[in-house]
C-alpha atoms as a PDB file:
ATOM      1  CA  MET A   1      32.275  15.979  40.849  1.00  0.00           C
ATOM      2  CA  SER A   2      28.526  16.156  40.276  1.00  0.00           C
ATOM      3  CA  ARG A   3      26.377  15.568  43.332  1.00  0.00           C
ATOM      4  CA  ILE A   4      24.162  12.484  43.184  1.00  0.00           C
ATOM      5  CA  PRO A   5      20.576  13.758  43.432  1.00  0.00           C
ATOM      6  CA  GLU A   6      18.686  12.748  46.531  1.00  0.00           C
ATOM      7  CA  PRO A   7      15.096  11.439  46.275  1.00  0.00           C
ATOM      8  CA  ASP A   8      12.237  13.257  47.965  1.00  0.00           C
ATOM      9  CA  SER A   9      10.179  11.563  50.643  1.00  0.00           C
ATOM     10  CA  THR A  10       6.446  11.474  49.883  1.00  0.00           C
ATOM     11  CA  PRO A  11       3.520   9.553  51.444  1.00  0.00           C
ATOM     12  CA  ALA A  12       3.463   7.350  48.353  1.00  0.00           C
ATOM     13  CA  GLY A  13       7.165   6.595  48.559  1.00  0.00           C
ATOM     14  CA  PRO A  14      10.501   8.062  47.357  1.00  0.00           C
ATOM     15  CA  ALA A  15      10.211  10.456  44.394  1.00  0.00           C
ATOM     16  CA  TYR A  16      12.347  12.782  42.315  1.00  0.00           C
ATOM     17  CA  GLU A  17      10.995  16.066  40.892  1.00  0.00           C
ATOM     18  CA  GLY A  18       7.486  14.908  41.726  1.00  0.00           C
ATOM     19  CA  ARG A  19       7.759  11.489  39.998  1.00  0.00           C
ATOM     20  CA  LEU A  20       7.741   8.276  42.020  1.00  0.00           C
ATOM     21  CA  LEU A  21      10.908   6.249  41.575  1.00  0.00           C
ATOM     22  CA  ASP A  22      10.508   3.130  39.440  1.00  0.00           C
ATOM     23  CA  ARG A  23      12.991   1.342  41.712  1.00  0.00           C
ATOM     24  CA  ALA A  24      12.245   2.508  45.260  1.00  0.00           C
ATOM     25  CA  ASP A  25      15.334   0.878  46.820  1.00  0.00           C
ATOM     26  CA  ASP A  26      17.839   2.320  44.312  1.00  0.00           C
ATOM     27  CA  GLU A  27      19.353   5.769  43.887  1.00  0.00           C
ATOM     28  CA  VAL A  28      17.886   8.300  41.451  1.00  0.00           C
ATOM     29  CA  VAL A  29      20.697   7.704  38.964  1.00  0.00           C
ATOM     30  CA  ASP A  30      19.897   3.984  38.857  1.00  0.00           C
ATOM     31  CA  GLN A  31      16.220   4.239  37.888  1.00  0.00           C
ATOM     32  CA  GLY A  32      16.674   3.096  34.293  1.00  0.00           C
ATOM     33  CA  VAL A  33      16.306   4.572  30.837  1.00  0.00           C
ATOM     34  CA  ALA A  34      12.544   5.156  30.991  1.00  0.00           C
ATOM     35  CA  PHE A  35      12.806   7.233  34.170  1.00  0.00           C
ATOM     36  CA  ASP A  36      15.840   9.133  32.817  1.00  0.00           C
ATOM     37  CA  LEU A  37      13.994   9.929  29.620  1.00  0.00           C
ATOM     38  CA  ARG A  38      10.986  11.300  31.503  1.00  0.00           C
ATOM     39  CA  THR A  39      13.359  13.461  33.550  1.00  0.00           C
ATOM     40  CA  LEU A  40      15.010  14.853  30.455  1.00  0.00           C
ATOM     41  CA  ILE A  41      11.671  15.644  28.847  1.00  0.00           C
ATOM     42  CA  SER A  42      10.408  17.362  31.975  1.00  0.00           C
ATOM     43  CA  ARG A  43      13.450  19.641  31.857  1.00  0.00           C
ATOM     44  CA  ARG A  44      12.802  20.437  28.188  1.00  0.00           C
ATOM     45  CA  ASN A  45      16.222  19.060  27.257  1.00  0.00           C
ATOM     46  CA  ILE A  46      14.974  16.764  24.516  1.00  0.00           C
ATOM     47  CA  LEU A  47      17.475  18.228  22.013  1.00  0.00           C
ATOM     48  CA  SER A  48      20.289  16.647  24.010  1.00  0.00           C
ATOM     49  CA  LEU A  49      19.087  13.251  22.803  1.00  0.00           C
ATOM     50  CA  ILE A  50      20.108  13.859  19.186  1.00  0.00           C
ATOM     51  CA  GLY A  51      21.737  10.789  17.670  1.00  0.00           C
ATOM     52  CA  VAL A  52      20.188   8.312  20.087  1.00  0.00           C
ATOM     53  CA  GLY A  53      16.560   8.812  20.959  1.00  0.00           C
ATOM     54  CA  ALA A  54      15.428  12.135  19.523  1.00  0.00           C
ATOM     55  CA  GLY A  55      13.880  10.557  16.478  1.00  0.00           C
ATOM     56  CA  ALA A  56      11.878   8.111  18.547  1.00  0.00           C
ATOM     57  CA  VAL A  57      10.636  10.827  20.888  1.00  0.00           C
ATOM     58  CA  ALA A  58       9.682  13.125  18.017  1.00  0.00           C
ATOM     59  CA  LEU A  59       7.821  10.372  16.237  1.00  0.00           C
ATOM     60  CA  ALA A  60       5.872   9.651  19.390  1.00  0.00           C
ATOM     61  CA  ALA A  61       4.385  13.146  19.114  1.00  0.00           C
ATOM     62  CA  CYS A  62       2.497  12.311  15.930  1.00  0.00           C
ATOM     63  CA  ALA A  63      -1.131  13.397  15.883  1.00  0.00           C
ATOM     64  CA  THR A  64      -3.775  12.340  13.404  1.00  0.00           C
ATOM     65  CA  ASP A  65      -7.224  13.776  12.977  1.00  0.00           C
ATOM     66  CA  ALA A  66     -10.325  12.153  11.547  1.00  0.00           C
ATOM     67  CA  SER A  67      -9.774  13.658   8.091  1.00  0.00           C
ATOM     68  CA  GLY A  68      -6.400  11.971   7.692  1.00  0.00           C
ATOM     69  CA  SER A  69      -4.260  15.041   8.380  1.00  0.00           C
ATOM     70  CA  THR A  70      -0.881  14.510  10.014  1.00  0.00           C
ATOM     71  CA  SER A  71       1.265  16.736  12.135  1.00  0.00           C
ATOM     72  CA  THR A  72       4.571  16.664  13.926  1.00  0.00           C
ATOM     73  CA  SER A  73       6.009  13.209  13.246  1.00  0.00           C
ATOM     74  CA  THR A  74       6.372  13.682   9.508  1.00  0.00           C
ATOM     75  CA  ALA A  75       7.560  17.245   9.974  1.00  0.00           C
ATOM     76  CA  THR A  76      10.387  15.954  12.162  1.00  0.00           C
ATOM     77  CA  ALA A  77      11.362  13.423   9.511  1.00  0.00           C
ATOM     78  CA  THR A  78      11.706  16.106   6.833  1.00  0.00           C
ATOM     79  CA  THR A  79      14.081  18.255   8.923  1.00  0.00           C
ATOM     80  CA  SER A  80      16.688  15.577   9.583  1.00  0.00           C
ATOM     81  CA  THR A  81      20.340  16.465   9.116  1.00  0.00           C
ATOM     82  CA  GLY A  82      21.075  13.896   6.404  1.00  0.00           C
ATOM     83  CA  GLU A  83      21.308  14.348   2.650  1.00  0.00           C
ATOM     84  CA  ILE A  84      18.154  13.405   0.764  1.00  0.00           C
ATOM     85  CA  PRO A  85      18.804   9.859  -0.500  1.00  0.00           C
ATOM     86  CA  ASP A  86      19.451   9.454  -4.201  1.00  0.00           C
ATOM     87  CA  GLU A  87      16.780   7.102  -5.537  1.00  0.00           C
ATOM     88  CA  THR A  88      15.711   5.497  -8.760  1.00  0.00           C
ATOM     89  CA  ALA A  89      13.819   7.629 -11.256  1.00  0.00           C
ATOM     90  CA  GLY A  90      11.797   4.485 -11.964  1.00  0.00           C
ATOM     91  CA  PRO A  91      10.605   3.229 -15.339  1.00  0.00           C
ATOM     92  CA  TYR A  92       8.488   6.305 -16.146  1.00  0.00           C
ATOM     93  CA  PRO A  93      10.650   9.442 -15.747  1.00  0.00           C
ATOM     94  CA  GLY A  94       9.853  11.133 -19.054  1.00  0.00           C
ATOM     95  CA  ASP A  95      13.169  12.986 -18.787  1.00  0.00           C
ATOM     96  CA  GLY A  96      14.788  11.550 -21.907  1.00  0.00           C
ATOM     97  CA  SER A  97      16.782   8.918 -20.023  1.00  0.00           C
ATOM     98  CA  ASN A  98      14.744   6.105 -21.585  1.00  0.00           C
ATOM     99  CA  GLY A  99      13.300   7.707 -24.694  1.00  0.00           C
ATOM    100  CA  VAL A 100      10.414  10.161 -24.255  1.00  0.00           C
ATOM    101  CA  ASN A 101      11.368  13.586 -22.931  1.00  0.00           C
ATOM    102  CA  VAL A 102       8.784  16.013 -21.563  1.00  0.00           C
ATOM    103  CA  LEU A 103      11.574  18.365 -20.521  1.00  0.00           C
ATOM    104  CA  GLU A 104      11.921  19.419 -24.144  1.00  0.00           C
ATOM    105  CA  GLU A 105       8.355  20.779 -24.153  1.00  0.00           C
ATOM    106  CA  SER A 106       8.181  24.588 -24.118  1.00  0.00           C
ATOM    107  CA  GLY A 107       5.383  24.549 -21.534  1.00  0.00           C
ATOM    108  CA  ILE A 108       7.063  22.258 -19.016  1.00  0.00           C
ATOM    109  CA  VAL A 109       7.958  25.120 -16.644  1.00  0.00           C
ATOM    110  CA  ARG A 110       4.657  25.469 -14.791  1.00  0.00           C
ATOM    111  CA  SER A 111       3.173  25.233 -11.309  1.00  0.00           C
ATOM    112  CA  ASP A 112      -0.180  23.605 -12.130  1.00  0.00           C
ATOM    113  CA  ILE A 113       0.599  20.161 -13.501  1.00  0.00           C
ATOM    114  CA  ARG A 114      -2.898  18.679 -13.544  1.00  0.00           C
ATOM    115  CA  SER A 115      -3.432  19.108 -17.279  1.00  0.00           C
ATOM    116  CA  SER A 116      -1.424  17.952 -20.267  1.00  0.00           C
ATOM    117  CA  ILE A 117       0.810  20.544 -21.885  1.00  0.00           C
ATOM    118  CA  GLY A 118      -0.887  22.245 -24.818  1.00  0.00           C
ATOM    119  CA  GLY A 119      -4.258  20.582 -24.236  1.00  0.00           C
ATOM    120  CA  GLY A 120      -5.423  17.017 -23.821  1.00  0.00           C
ATOM    121  CA  LEU A 121      -6.646  15.344 -20.658  1.00  0.00           C
ATOM    122  CA  THR A 122      -6.662  16.769 -17.143  1.00  0.00           C
ATOM    123  CA  ALA A 123      -5.960  14.401 -14.268  1.00  0.00           C
ATOM    124  CA  GLU A 124      -8.790  14.139 -11.736  1.00  0.00           C
ATOM    125  CA  GLY A 125      -8.464  13.341  -8.044  1.00  0.00           C
ATOM    126  CA  VAL A 126      -8.188  14.837  -4.583  1.00  0.00           C
ATOM    127  CA  PRO A 127      -6.446  18.247  -4.826  1.00  0.00           C
ATOM    128  CA  MET A 128      -2.861  18.346  -3.603  1.00  0.00           C
ATOM    129  CA  THR A 129      -0.246  21.079  -3.330  1.00  0.00           C
ATOM    130  CA  PHE A 130       3.337  19.857  -3.132  1.00  0.00           C
ATOM    131  CA  THR A 131       6.081  22.178  -1.848  1.00  0.00           C
ATOM    132  CA  LEU A 132       9.694  21.075  -1.884  1.00  0.00           C
ATOM    133  CA  THR A 133      12.319  23.107  -0.029  1.00  0.00           C
ATOM    134  CA  VAL A 134      15.824  22.535  -1.390  1.00  0.00           C
ATOM    135  CA  LEU A 135      18.784  23.324   0.875  1.00  0.00           C
ATOM    136  CA  ASP A 136      22.460  23.536  -0.101  1.00  0.00           C
ATOM    137  CA  MET A 137      24.462  21.406   2.339  1.00  0.00           C
ATOM    138  CA  ASN A 138      27.728  22.919   1.103  1.00  0.00           C
ATOM    139  CA  ASN A 139      26.551  26.414   1.917  1.00  0.00           C
ATOM    140  CA  ASN A 140      25.501  25.884   5.541  1.00  0.00           C
ATOM    141  CA  ASP A 141      22.072  24.664   4.465  1.00  0.00           C
ATOM    142  CA  ALA A 142      21.249  27.951   2.764  1.00  0.00           C
ATOM    143  CA  PRO A 143      18.180  27.887   0.496  1.00  0.00           C
ATOM    144  CA  PHE A 144      19.252  26.481  -2.862  1.00  0.00           C
ATOM    145  CA  ALA A 145      17.738  29.278  -4.924  1.00  0.00           C
ATOM    146  CA  ASP A 146      17.414  29.111  -8.729  1.00  0.00           C
ATOM    147  CA  THR A 147      17.676  25.338  -8.915  1.00  0.00           C
ATOM    148  CA  ALA A 148      15.199  23.719 -11.296  1.00  0.00           C
ATOM    149  CA  VAL A 149      13.032  20.947  -9.841  1.00  0.00           C
ATOM    150  CA  TYR A 150      11.238  18.455 -12.086  1.00  0.00           C
ATOM    151  CA  VAL A 151       8.321  16.674 -10.405  1.00  0.00           C
ATOM    152  CA  TRP A 152       6.224  13.763 -11.677  1.00  0.00           C
ATOM    153  CA  HIS A 153       3.908  11.117 -10.238  1.00  0.00           C
ATOM    154  CA  CYS A 154       1.109   8.722 -11.170  1.00  0.00           C
ATOM    155  CA  ASP A 155      -2.573   9.611 -11.472  1.00  0.00           C
ATOM    156  CA  ALA A 156      -5.499   8.396  -9.342  1.00  0.00           C
ATOM    157  CA  ALA A 157      -5.632   5.133 -11.271  1.00  0.00           C
ATOM    158  CA  GLY A 158      -1.905   4.516 -10.928  1.00  0.00           C
ATOM    159  CA  GLY A 159      -1.016   5.393 -14.505  1.00  0.00           C
ATOM    160  CA  TYR A 160       1.908   7.501 -15.684  1.00  0.00           C
ATOM    161  CA  SER A 161       1.365   9.905 -18.546  1.00  0.00           C
ATOM    162  CA  MET A 162       3.584   9.246 -21.569  1.00  0.00           C
ATOM    163  CA  TYR A 163       3.836   5.536 -20.644  1.00  0.00           C
ATOM    164  CA  SER A 164       0.647   3.822 -19.466  1.00  0.00           C
ATOM    165  CA  ASP A 165      -1.966   2.379 -21.817  1.00  0.00           C
ATOM    166  CA  GLY A 166      -4.328   5.017 -23.136  1.00  0.00           C
ATOM    167  CA  ILE A 167      -2.371   8.007 -21.848  1.00  0.00           C
ATOM    168  CA  GLU A 168       0.849   7.666 -23.836  1.00  0.00           C
ATOM    169  CA  GLU A 169       0.136  10.993 -25.564  1.00  0.00           C
ATOM    170  CA  GLU A 170      -0.666  12.846 -22.332  1.00  0.00           C
ATOM    171  CA  THR A 171       1.845  14.858 -20.300  1.00  0.00           C
ATOM    172  CA  TYR A 172      -0.150  15.585 -17.160  1.00  0.00           C
ATOM    173  CA  LEU A 173       1.306  15.370 -13.635  1.00  0.00           C
ATOM    174  CA  ARG A 174       4.729  16.479 -14.865  1.00  0.00           C
ATOM    175  CA  GLY A 175       6.274  19.915 -14.477  1.00  0.00           C
ATOM    176  CA  VAL A 176       9.294  22.048 -13.628  1.00  0.00           C
ATOM    177  CA  GLN A 177       9.590  24.980 -11.236  1.00  0.00           C
ATOM    178  CA  ILE A 178      12.513  27.263 -10.384  1.00  0.00           C
ATOM    179  CA  ALA A 179      13.332  27.533  -6.675  1.00  0.00           C
ATOM    180  CA  ASP A 180      12.736  30.959  -5.153  1.00  0.00           C
ATOM    181  CA  SER A 181      14.938  32.780  -2.635  1.00  0.00           C
ATOM    182  CA  ALA A 182      13.699  30.398   0.062  1.00  0.00           C
ATOM    183  CA  GLY A 183      14.746  27.395  -2.028  1.00  0.00           C
ATOM    184  CA  GLN A 184      11.105  26.432  -2.532  1.00  0.00           C
ATOM    185  CA  VAL A 185       9.089  25.164  -5.475  1.00  0.00           C
ATOM    186  CA  THR A 186       5.345  24.545  -5.311  1.00  0.00           C
ATOM    187  CA  PHE A 187       3.167  22.440  -7.597  1.00  0.00           C
ATOM    188  CA  THR A 188      -0.610  22.166  -7.815  1.00  0.00           C
ATOM    189  CA  SER A 189      -1.589  18.569  -8.511  1.00  0.00           C
ATOM    190  CA  ILE A 190      -3.734  15.650  -7.331  1.00  0.00           C
ATOM    191  CA  TYR A 191      -3.036  12.995  -4.721  1.00  0.00           C
ATOM    192  CA  PRO A 192      -1.364  10.010  -6.432  1.00  0.00           C
ATOM    193  CA  ALA A 193      -2.592   6.409  -6.249  1.00  0.00           C
ATOM    194  CA  CYS A 194      -0.870   3.449  -4.643  1.00  0.00           C
ATOM    195  CA  TYR A 195      -0.053   0.818  -7.234  1.00  0.00           C
ATOM    196  CA  THR A 196       1.149  -2.737  -6.724  1.00  0.00           C
ATOM    197  CA  GLY A 197       4.558  -3.068  -5.126  1.00  0.00           C
ATOM    198  CA  ARG A 198       5.195   0.589  -4.249  1.00  0.00           C
ATOM    199  CA  TRP A 199       4.445   2.899  -1.363  1.00  0.00           C
ATOM    200  CA  PRO A 200       2.586   6.121  -2.397  1.00  0.00           C
ATOM    201  CA  HIS A 201       5.205   8.557  -3.625  1.00  0.00           C
ATOM    202  CA  ILE A 202       6.173  11.600  -5.687  1.00  0.00           C
ATOM    203  CA  HIS A 203       9.285  11.636  -7.881  1.00  0.00           C
ATOM    204  CA  PHE A 204      11.566  14.638  -8.266  1.00  0.00           C
ATOM    205  CA  GLU A 205      14.879  15.614  -9.840  1.00  0.00           C
ATOM    206  CA  VAL A 206      16.907  18.675  -8.871  1.00  0.00           C
ATOM    207  CA  TYR A 207      18.954  20.445 -11.549  1.00  0.00           C
ATOM    208  CA  PRO A 208      21.514  23.256 -11.071  1.00  0.00           C
ATOM    209  CA  ASP A 209      19.374  25.640 -13.155  1.00  0.00           C
ATOM    210  CA  VAL A 210      16.615  25.638 -15.750  1.00  0.00           C
ATOM    211  CA  ASP A 211      19.097  25.471 -18.640  1.00  0.00           C
ATOM    212  CA  SER A 212      20.308  22.101 -17.350  1.00  0.00           C
ATOM    213  CA  ILE A 213      17.025  20.205 -17.597  1.00  0.00           C
ATOM    214  CA  SER A 214      17.556  19.277 -21.247  1.00  0.00           C
ATOM    215  CA  ASP A 215      19.787  16.371 -20.144  1.00  0.00           C
ATOM    216  CA  ALA A 216      18.798  14.067 -17.252  1.00  0.00           C
ATOM    217  CA  ALA A 217      22.490  13.417 -16.583  1.00  0.00           C
ATOM    218  CA  ASN A 218      22.729  16.994 -15.280  1.00  0.00           C
ATOM    219  CA  ALA A 219      20.519  16.221 -12.278  1.00  0.00           C
ATOM    220  CA  ILE A 220      22.342  16.809  -8.988  1.00  0.00           C
ATOM    221  CA  SER A 221      19.743  14.849  -7.018  1.00  0.00           C
ATOM    222  CA  THR A 222      17.072  12.285  -7.916  1.00  0.00           C
ATOM    223  CA  SER A 223      14.754  11.250  -5.125  1.00  0.00           C
ATOM    224  CA  GLN A 224      11.190  10.542  -4.034  1.00  0.00           C
ATOM    225  CA  ALA A 225       8.805  11.891  -1.406  1.00  0.00           C
ATOM    226  CA  ALA A 226       6.861   9.308   0.604  1.00  0.00           C
ATOM    227  CA  LEU A 227       3.255  10.081   1.547  1.00  0.00           C
ATOM    228  CA  PRO A 228       1.946   9.154   5.025  1.00  0.00           C
ATOM    229  CA  GLU A 229      -0.209   6.086   5.489  1.00  0.00           C
ATOM    230  CA  ASN A 230      -3.128   7.649   7.345  1.00  0.00           C
ATOM    231  CA  THR A 231      -3.698  10.379   4.749  1.00  0.00           C
ATOM    232  CA  SER A 232      -3.350   7.898   1.906  1.00  0.00           C
ATOM    233  CA  SER A 233      -5.832   5.511   3.516  1.00  0.00           C
ATOM    234  CA  THR A 234      -8.379   8.319   3.768  1.00  0.00           C
ATOM    235  CA  VAL A 235      -7.951   9.354   0.142  1.00  0.00           C
ATOM    236  CA  TYR A 236      -8.104   5.810  -1.190  1.00  0.00           C
ATOM    237  CA  LYS A 237     -11.611   5.289   0.163  1.00  0.00           C
ATOM    238  CA  LEU A 238     -12.908   7.660  -2.495  1.00  0.00           C
ATOM    239  CA  ALA A 239     -14.193   6.841  -5.963  1.00  0.00           C
ATOM    240  CA  GLY A 240     -11.488   7.100  -8.588  1.00  0.00           C
ATOM    241  CA  TYR A 241      -8.828   5.472  -6.420  1.00  0.00           C
ATOM    242  CA  GLU A 242     -10.084   1.895  -6.818  1.00  0.00           C
ATOM    243  CA  GLY A 243      -7.366  -0.658  -6.155  1.00  0.00           C
ATOM    244  CA  SER A 244      -5.192   1.634  -4.052  1.00  0.00           C
ATOM    245  CA  THR A 245      -6.520   0.476  -0.677  1.00  0.00           C
ATOM    246  CA  ALA A 246      -5.688  -3.152  -1.440  1.00  0.00           C
ATOM    247  CA  ASN A 247      -2.283  -2.208  -2.824  1.00  0.00           C
ATOM    248  CA  LEU A 248      -1.444  -0.096   0.221  1.00  0.00           C
ATOM    249  CA  SER A 249      -2.284  -3.001   2.534  1.00  0.00           C
ATOM    250  CA  GLN A 250       0.388  -5.117   0.850  1.00  0.00           C
ATOM    251  CA  VAL A 251       3.346  -2.755   1.267  1.00  0.00           C
ATOM    252  CA  THR A 252       5.042  -0.873   4.093  1.00  0.00           C
ATOM    253  CA  LEU A 253       7.673   1.830   4.246  1.00  0.00           C
ATOM    254  CA  ASP A 254      10.051  -0.780   5.618  1.00  0.00           C
ATOM    255  CA  ASN A 255       9.627  -3.290   2.793  1.00  0.00           C
ATOM    256  CA  ASP A 256       9.194  -0.828  -0.079  1.00  0.00           C
ATOM    257  CA  ASN A 257      12.085  -1.322  -2.500  1.00  0.00           C
ATOM    258  CA  VAL A 258      12.902   2.402  -2.471  1.00  0.00           C
ATOM    259  CA  PHE A 259      12.130   3.631   1.044  1.00  0.00           C
ATOM    260  CA  GLY A 260      12.925   0.340   2.754  1.00  0.00           C
ATOM    261  CA  ASP A 261      16.577   1.169   3.498  1.00  0.00           C
ATOM    262  CA  ASP A 262      15.554   3.449   6.355  1.00  0.00           C
ATOM    263  CA  GLY A 263      11.768   3.461   6.305  1.00  0.00           C
ATOM    264  CA  GLY A 264      11.742   6.754   4.427  1.00  0.00           C
ATOM    265  CA  ALA A 265      13.215   8.631   7.400  1.00  0.00           C
ATOM    266  CA  LEU A 266      14.443  11.542   5.260  1.00  0.00           C
ATOM    267  CA  GLN A 267      11.685  11.367   2.667  1.00  0.00           C
ATOM    268  CA  LEU A 268       8.435  11.149   4.608  1.00  0.00           C
ATOM    269  CA  ALA A 269       6.489  14.304   3.809  1.00  0.00           C
ATOM    270  CA  THR A 270       4.421  16.432   6.162  1.00  0.00           C
ATOM    271  CA  VAL A 271       0.763  16.498   5.077  1.00  0.00           C
ATOM    272  CA  THR A 272      -2.087  18.677   6.309  1.00  0.00           C
ATOM    273  CA  GLY A 273      -5.618  19.214   5.010  1.00  0.00           C
ATOM    274  CA  ASP A 274      -8.588  17.034   4.161  1.00  0.00           C
ATOM    275  CA  VAL A 275     -10.264  15.401   1.171  1.00  0.00           C
ATOM    276  CA  THR A 276     -12.635  18.337   0.652  1.00  0.00           C
ATOM    277  CA  SER A 277     -10.240  21.274   0.671  1.00  0.00           C
ATOM    278  CA  GLY A 278      -7.286  19.231  -0.513  1.00  0.00           C
ATOM    279  CA  TYR A 279      -3.946  18.380   1.022  1.00  0.00           C
ATOM    280  CA  VAL A 280      -0.772  20.392   1.459  1.00  0.00           C
ATOM    281  CA  VAL A 281       2.366  18.263   1.178  1.00  0.00           C
ATOM    282  CA  ASN A 282       5.774  19.564   2.299  1.00  0.00           C
ATOM    283  CA  LEU A 283       9.240  18.052   2.185  1.00  0.00           C
ATOM    284  CA  THR A 284      12.715  19.454   2.804  1.00  0.00           C
ATOM    285  CA  ALA A 285      15.524  18.058   0.657  1.00  0.00           C
ATOM    286  CA  ARG A 286      19.125  18.704   1.665  1.00  0.00           C
ATOM    287  CA  VAL A 287      21.346  18.353  -1.405  1.00  0.00           C
ATOM    288  CA  ASP A 288      25.083  17.720  -1.297  1.00  0.00           C
ATOM    289  CA  THR A 289      26.687  18.699  -4.596  1.00  0.00           C
ATOM    290  CA  THR A 290      30.005  17.114  -3.594  1.00  0.00           C
ATOM    291  CA  THR A 291      28.559  13.606  -3.750  1.00  0.00           C
ATOM    292  CA  THR A 292      28.227  11.769  -7.043  1.00  0.00           C
ATOM    293  CA  PRO A 293      24.571  11.475  -8.090  1.00  0.00           C
ATOM    294  CA  THR A 294      23.475   8.082  -9.331  1.00  0.00           C
ATOM    295  CA  ALA A 295      21.289   9.672 -12.005  1.00  0.00           C
ATOM    296  CA  GLY A 296      18.293   7.560 -11.094  1.00  0.00           C
ATOM    297  CA  SER A 297      19.999   4.193 -10.863  1.00  0.00           C
ATOM    298  CA  SER A 298      17.786   1.390  -9.588  1.00  0.00           C
ATOM    299  CA  PRO A 299      17.881   0.287  -5.947  1.00  0.00           C
ATOM    300  CA  ASP A 300      18.944  -3.229  -5.041  1.00  0.00           C
ATOM    301  CA  GLY A 301      16.265  -5.771  -5.816  1.00  0.00           C
ATOM    302  CA  GLY A 302      14.173  -3.922  -8.357  1.00  0.00           C
ATOM    303  CA  GLY A 303      13.514  -0.916 -10.496  1.00  0.00           C
ATOM    304  CA  GLY A 304      11.218   0.890  -8.117  1.00  0.00           C
ATOM    305  CA  GLY A 305       8.436   1.001 -10.634  1.00  0.00           C
ATOM    306  CA  GLY A 306       5.840  -1.391  -9.311  1.00  0.00           C
ATOM    307  CA  THR A 307       2.708  -2.404 -11.184  1.00  0.00           C
ATOM    308  CA  PRO A 308      -0.154   0.091 -11.433  1.00  0.00           C
ATOM    309  CA  PRO A 309      -3.526  -1.259 -10.194  1.00  0.00           C
ATOM    310  CA  SER A 310      -5.816  -2.989 -12.623  1.00  0.00           C
ATOM    311  CA  GLY A 311      -9.071  -1.326 -13.483  1.00  0.00           C
ATOM    312  CA  GLY A 312      -8.018   1.633 -15.547  1.00  0.00           C
ATOM    313  CA  GLY A 313      -5.270   3.866 -16.809  1.00  0.00           C
ATOM    314  CA  GLY A 314      -2.434   2.046 -15.196  1.00  0.00           C
ATOM    315  CA  THR A 315      -0.789  -0.780 -17.105  1.00  0.00           C
ATOM    316  CA  PRO A 316       2.463   0.293 -18.771  1.00  0.00           C
ATOM    317  CA  PRO A 317       3.105  -0.807 -22.363  1.00  0.00           C
ATOM    318  CA  SER A 318       4.685  -4.202 -22.849  1.00  0.00           C
ATOM    319  CA  ASP A 319       7.994  -2.696 -23.938  1.00  0.00           C
ATOM    320  CA  ALA A 320       8.246  -0.304 -21.003  1.00  0.00           C
ATOM    321  CA  PRO A 321      11.603  -0.448 -19.206  1.00  0.00           C
ATOM    322  CA  THR A 322      11.743  -2.431 -15.976  1.00  0.00           C
ATOM    323  CA  GLN A 323      14.628  -0.543 -14.373  1.00  0.00           C
END
């Protein structure tokens, strides 16, 4: 039987391991959750809290600097043990599932997605590098090498190339990369806007290999990366992102119709950097090939598309799909 720890006697009152007891008249084991938690932390046993309080403790370690960079809280979210949630591809996937198909373009396999394929416009905004690490849950979380990852997102005005008014003929901010031996793909892009009804996000689809991208039904995972609020707020103060600040103030991770199921716990990206040098965005996606992908089906209560902000480049055509 374990011995009940005895409190120490100090001039200030009874204490245990140097910390005054919250309840001076009770035993050490009866001090309550807050005292127990401080004891566990002091012993560097925080990993023993997995499944109950580890997430809360890790999130409490978040640090934010004046430039809008974030640190450990989002990193903890991206390394959770769950499968990346399957989410809607939204109304503007450009993968052939609702008509237009950028994945048929010969230049779609590329790392720099800021310009349209074969010429045309180049999207302008705060520089952003997005790295996605894909892990194979059915192979002990080994890097999922050689998978093809298709990434797309809106521009600084909230518009989607191939769909929004005035940029229907553009293909910028869309591209495919093949995962390396570490299961990673990296894209050079710009920080996306926040449009009405949606939290700032990046779409992606994971395919078994590059030969599979010709048919969206081949995707083994369709999901979205959520961008942190503090970084987004910093970016949206800049010219070119008009409307995003107001839109961001009207939505939260908890009420977003995509991330709202769990507040984006498995999809909140880690972001470092600043508006001058650009931001580095990282997310880890654990993929389970034994589950049935929903191929971008819509979440309950809406299509996950939202309405791009007024003021330029953002309003989808009248016949654009709503799911």
